[in-house]
Amino acid sequence: MNCIIIGVAGGTGSGKSTFTRRLEEAFPDDVAVIYHDSYYRRQDEISLEERRKVNYDHPDSLETQLLLEHLHLLKDGKAIKCPVYDYSQHNRSDLVRSVEPRRIIIVEGILILADKRLRDLLDIKIYVEADADERILRRVVRDVKERGRDIDNIVEQYLTTVKPMHYLYVEPTRAMADIVINSGMNNVAFDIVRSKIRLMLNDENADF
């Protein structure tokens, strides 16, 4: 099955999800979204307190090999059972989410461009960036409202792992993107990406 695989990367709270959601709304019948965060490794063997201290912003925390296998299945026109991550327990849940193959597959995550195998599968590589102060504020709001975390844990995690890992692993991938945008609400960048996708969808001879 011919499909376009788009990677949306960038630091925590940069606007990745906003940009991804806009693409979903622009191509409502053609998009399937996979989040790299869903592929955090299972950690049943350690306690919740120990799981809270794990560095989740390091590439080794993610089962990227399974994500790659799933992307290849989608390219072959086969549905996948995507893991579902429980942020409140810092562990993969026992649930799975069925994802059907679509003409556009969006893969979103801070480390999407850090793995060469994954980069090589992407037809369009996007990096969303934002001011560091804005990113941390967005992360705090998200983690409290959506993930049931307390402020002390969020701050400790940000200072000990999120911030240093951003400069070590995330920000360097900016140079590997096809397009860098300064906001998930950047209309010019969005129009450019949308137009490119339309051209690829309409080109019957597109080699992607």
Protein backbone atom coordinates (compact mmCIF):
# COMPACT_ATOMS: atom_id res chain seq x y z
CA MET A 1 0.00 0.00 0.00
CA ASN A 2 1.38 3.40 -1.00
CA CYS A 3 1.35 5.70 1.98
CA ILE A 4 3.09 8.88 3.10
CA ILE A 5 4.82 8.66 6.47
CA ILE A 6 5.32 12.01 8.16
CA GLY A 7 7.46 12.53 11.25
CA VAL A 8 6.64 15.41 13.60
CA ALA A 9 9.46 15.97 16.08
CA GLY A 10 10.54 18.72 18.49
CA GLY A 11 10.97 19.35 22.17
CA THR A 12 8.36 18.73 24.83
CA GLY A 13 5.59 21.32 24.66
CA SER A 14 6.82 22.72 21.34
CA GLY A 15 3.50 22.40 19.50
CA LYS A 16 3.91 18.98 17.87
CA SER A 17 0.45 17.81 18.86
CA THR A 18 -1.15 21.02 17.63
CA PHE A 19 0.47 20.66 14.22
CA THR A 20 -0.42 16.97 14.06
CA ARG A 21 -4.04 17.69 14.96
CA ARG A 22 -4.26 20.31 12.21
CA LEU A 23 -3.04 17.76 9.67
CA GLU A 24 -5.62 15.26 10.93
CA GLU A 25 -8.35 17.83 10.43
CA ALA A 26 -7.08 18.70 6.94
CA PHE A 27 -7.14 15.04 5.81
CA PRO A 28 -9.80 13.48 8.07
CA ASP A 29 -10.29 10.29 6.05
CA ASP A 30 -6.67 9.67 5.17
CA VAL A 31 -4.69 10.05 8.41
CA ALA A 32 -3.60 7.62 11.12
CA VAL A 33 -1.49 8.95 13.99
CA ILE A 34 1.04 6.98 16.01
CA TYR A 35 2.77 8.45 19.05
CA HIS A 36 6.32 7.39 19.85
CA ASP A 37 5.40 7.75 23.55
CA SER A 38 3.08 4.76 23.19
CA TYR A 39 6.18 2.61 22.73
CA TYR A 40 7.81 3.25 26.10
CA ARG A 41 9.12 -0.06 27.34
CA ARG A 42 7.21 -2.18 29.85
CA GLN A 43 8.59 -1.90 33.38
CA ASP A 44 6.58 -4.44 35.33
CA GLU A 45 9.67 -5.61 37.19
CA ILE A 46 10.21 -2.36 39.11
CA SER A 47 8.08 -0.38 41.55
CA LEU A 48 6.14 2.78 40.75
CA GLU A 49 8.61 4.82 42.78
CA GLU A 50 11.49 3.43 40.73
CA ARG A 51 9.59 4.00 37.48
CA ARG A 52 9.18 7.67 38.38
CA LYS A 53 12.98 8.03 38.32
CA VAL A 54 13.54 6.47 34.89
CA ASN A 55 14.94 8.73 32.18
CA TYR A 56 12.06 8.77 29.70
CA ASP A 57 13.78 11.27 27.42
CA HIS A 58 16.61 8.91 26.49
CA PRO A 59 16.24 6.89 23.26
CA ASP A 60 16.75 3.62 25.15
CA SER A 61 13.50 4.16 27.06
CA LEU A 62 11.54 3.52 23.87
CA GLU A 63 10.90 0.26 22.03
CA THR A 64 11.57 1.83 18.65
CA GLN A 65 12.12 -1.56 17.03
CA LEU A 66 8.45 -2.41 17.64
CA LEU A 67 7.40 0.94 16.19
CA LEU A 68 9.45 0.22 13.07
CA GLU A 69 7.80 -3.19 12.71
CA HIS A 70 4.38 -1.58 13.04
CA LEU A 71 5.16 1.06 10.41
CA HIS A 72 6.26 -1.62 7.96
CA LEU A 73 3.01 -3.51 8.58
CA LEU A 74 0.99 -0.36 7.90
CA LYS A 75 2.94 0.20 4.68
CA ASP A 76 2.00 -3.35 3.71
CA GLY A 77 -1.68 -2.51 4.24
CA LYS A 78 -2.04 -4.40 7.53
CA ALA A 79 -3.61 -3.13 10.74
CA ILE A 80 -1.57 -2.99 13.94
CA LYS A 81 -2.21 -3.22 17.67
CA CYS A 82 -0.52 -0.13 19.06
CA PRO A 83 0.47 -0.15 22.75
CA VAL A 84 -1.32 2.17 25.15
CA TYR A 85 0.85 3.88 27.74
CA ASP A 86 -0.41 4.75 31.24
CA TYR A 87 1.35 7.98 32.22
CA SER A 88 0.01 7.93 35.77
CA GLN A 89 1.68 4.53 36.34
CA HIS A 90 4.77 5.24 34.21
CA ASN A 91 4.23 1.94 32.46
CA ARG A 92 2.68 0.38 29.39
CA SER A 93 -0.88 -0.71 30.08
CA ASP A 94 -2.46 -4.01 29.06
CA LEU A 95 -4.64 -2.20 26.52
CA VAL A 96 -3.91 -1.87 22.81
CA ARG A 97 -5.27 0.51 20.17
CA SER A 98 -6.14 -0.80 16.73
CA VAL A 99 -4.67 1.36 13.96
CA GLU A 100 -5.83 0.75 10.40
CA PRO A 101 -3.58 1.52 7.41
CA ARG A 102 -4.19 4.94 5.87
CA ARG A 103 -2.70 6.93 3.00
CA ILE A 104 -1.04 9.26 5.51
CA ILE A 105 0.70 7.97 8.64
CA ILE A 106 1.88 10.62 11.11
CA VAL A 107 4.47 9.61 13.69
CA GLU A 108 4.87 12.12 16.51
CA GLY A 109 7.46 12.29 19.27
CA ILE A 110 10.46 14.16 20.63
CA LEU A 111 12.93 11.53 19.40
CA ILE A 112 11.38 10.64 16.04
CA LEU A 113 14.42 11.95 14.14
CA ALA A 114 17.04 10.54 16.51
CA ASP A 115 16.97 7.00 15.05
CA LYS A 116 18.33 6.65 11.50
CA ARG A 117 16.16 3.61 10.78
CA LEU A 118 13.08 5.66 11.59
CA ARG A 119 14.29 8.72 9.69
CA ASP A 120 14.80 6.59 6.60
CA LEU A 121 11.12 5.58 6.67
CA LEU A 122 9.86 9.17 6.79
CA ASP A 123 8.81 10.92 3.59
CA ILE A 124 8.48 14.30 5.31
CA LYS A 125 10.45 15.22 8.43
CA ILE A 126 9.14 18.15 10.47
CA TYR A 127 10.70 19.76 13.53
CA VAL A 128 8.57 22.08 15.68
CA GLU A 129 10.43 24.41 18.00
CA ALA A 130 9.41 26.91 20.66
CA ASP A 131 10.96 29.04 23.40
CA ALA A 132 12.11 26.93 26.36
CA ASP A 133 9.95 28.86 28.84
CA GLU A 134 6.86 28.26 26.72
CA ARG A 135 7.65 24.57 26.40
CA ILE A 136 8.01 23.95 30.15
CA LEU A 137 4.81 25.88 30.94
CA ARG A 138 2.88 23.84 28.38
CA ARG A 139 4.35 20.63 29.79
CA VAL A 140 3.32 21.52 33.34
CA VAL A 141 -0.25 22.26 32.29
CA ARG A 142 -0.48 19.09 30.20
CA ASP A 143 1.02 16.77 32.82
CA VAL A 144 -1.20 18.10 35.60
CA LYS A 145 -4.44 18.18 33.63
CA GLU A 146 -4.04 15.18 31.35
CA ARG A 147 -1.59 12.85 33.07
CA GLY A 148 -2.44 13.23 36.74
CA ARG A 149 1.02 14.23 37.90
CA ASP A 150 2.00 16.58 40.72
CA ILE A 151 4.07 19.73 40.29
CA ASP A 152 7.06 18.54 42.34
CA ASN A 153 7.45 15.41 40.21
CA ILE A 154 7.12 17.41 36.98
CA VAL A 155 9.75 19.95 38.02
CA GLU A 156 12.19 17.29 39.23
CA GLN A 157 11.79 15.29 36.02
CA TYR A 158 12.25 18.37 33.86
CA LEU A 159 15.46 19.46 35.58
CA THR A 160 17.06 16.02 35.87
CA THR A 161 16.16 14.40 32.53
CA VAL A 162 13.92 16.43 30.20
CA LYS A 163 16.09 19.53 29.91
CA PRO A 164 19.51 17.83 29.60
CA MET A 165 18.20 15.17 27.21
CA HIS A 166 16.62 17.87 25.04
CA TYR A 167 20.01 19.46 24.42
CA LEU A 168 21.74 16.10 24.04
CA TYR A 169 19.30 14.16 21.84
CA VAL A 170 16.34 16.27 20.69
CA GLU A 171 17.67 19.64 19.60
CA PRO A 172 20.47 18.15 17.42
CA THR A 173 17.82 16.44 15.27
CA ARG A 174 16.59 19.87 14.16
CA ALA A 175 19.27 19.76 11.47
CA MET A 176 17.85 16.49 10.12
CA ALA A 177 14.37 17.90 9.43
CA ASP A 178 13.06 18.83 5.99
CA ILE A 179 11.18 21.76 7.47
CA VAL A 180 11.53 23.59 10.80
CA ILE A 181 8.60 25.61 12.12
CA ASN A 182 8.42 27.91 15.12
CA SER A 183 4.89 27.04 16.20
CA GLY A 184 2.23 24.43 15.72
CA MET A 185 0.01 27.36 14.70
CA ASN A 186 2.34 28.68 11.99
CA ASN A 187 -0.14 29.01 9.13
CA VAL A 188 2.42 29.51 6.37
CA ALA A 189 4.35 26.37 7.33
CA PHE A 190 1.11 24.44 7.68
CA ASP A 191 -0.07 25.51 4.22
CA ILE A 192 3.26 24.45 2.71
CA VAL A 193 3.12 20.99 4.31
CA ARG A 194 -0.56 20.52 3.43
CA SER A 195 0.10 21.46 -0.19
CA LYS A 196 3.04 19.04 -0.38
CA ILE A 197 0.92 16.23 1.00
CA ARG A 198 -1.83 16.95 -1.52
CA LEU A 199 0.66 16.84 -4.36
CA MET A 200 1.98 13.50 -3.17
CA LEU A 201 -1.51 12.08 -2.75
CA ASN A 202 -2.53 13.23 -6.21
CA ASP A 203 0.60 11.99 -7.95
CA GLU A 204 -0.30 8.49 -9.05
CA ASN A 205 3.33 7.86 -9.97
CA ALA A 206 4.74 9.12 -6.68
CA ASP A 207 7.51 6.90 -5.43
CA PHE A 208 7.03 6.95 -1.67
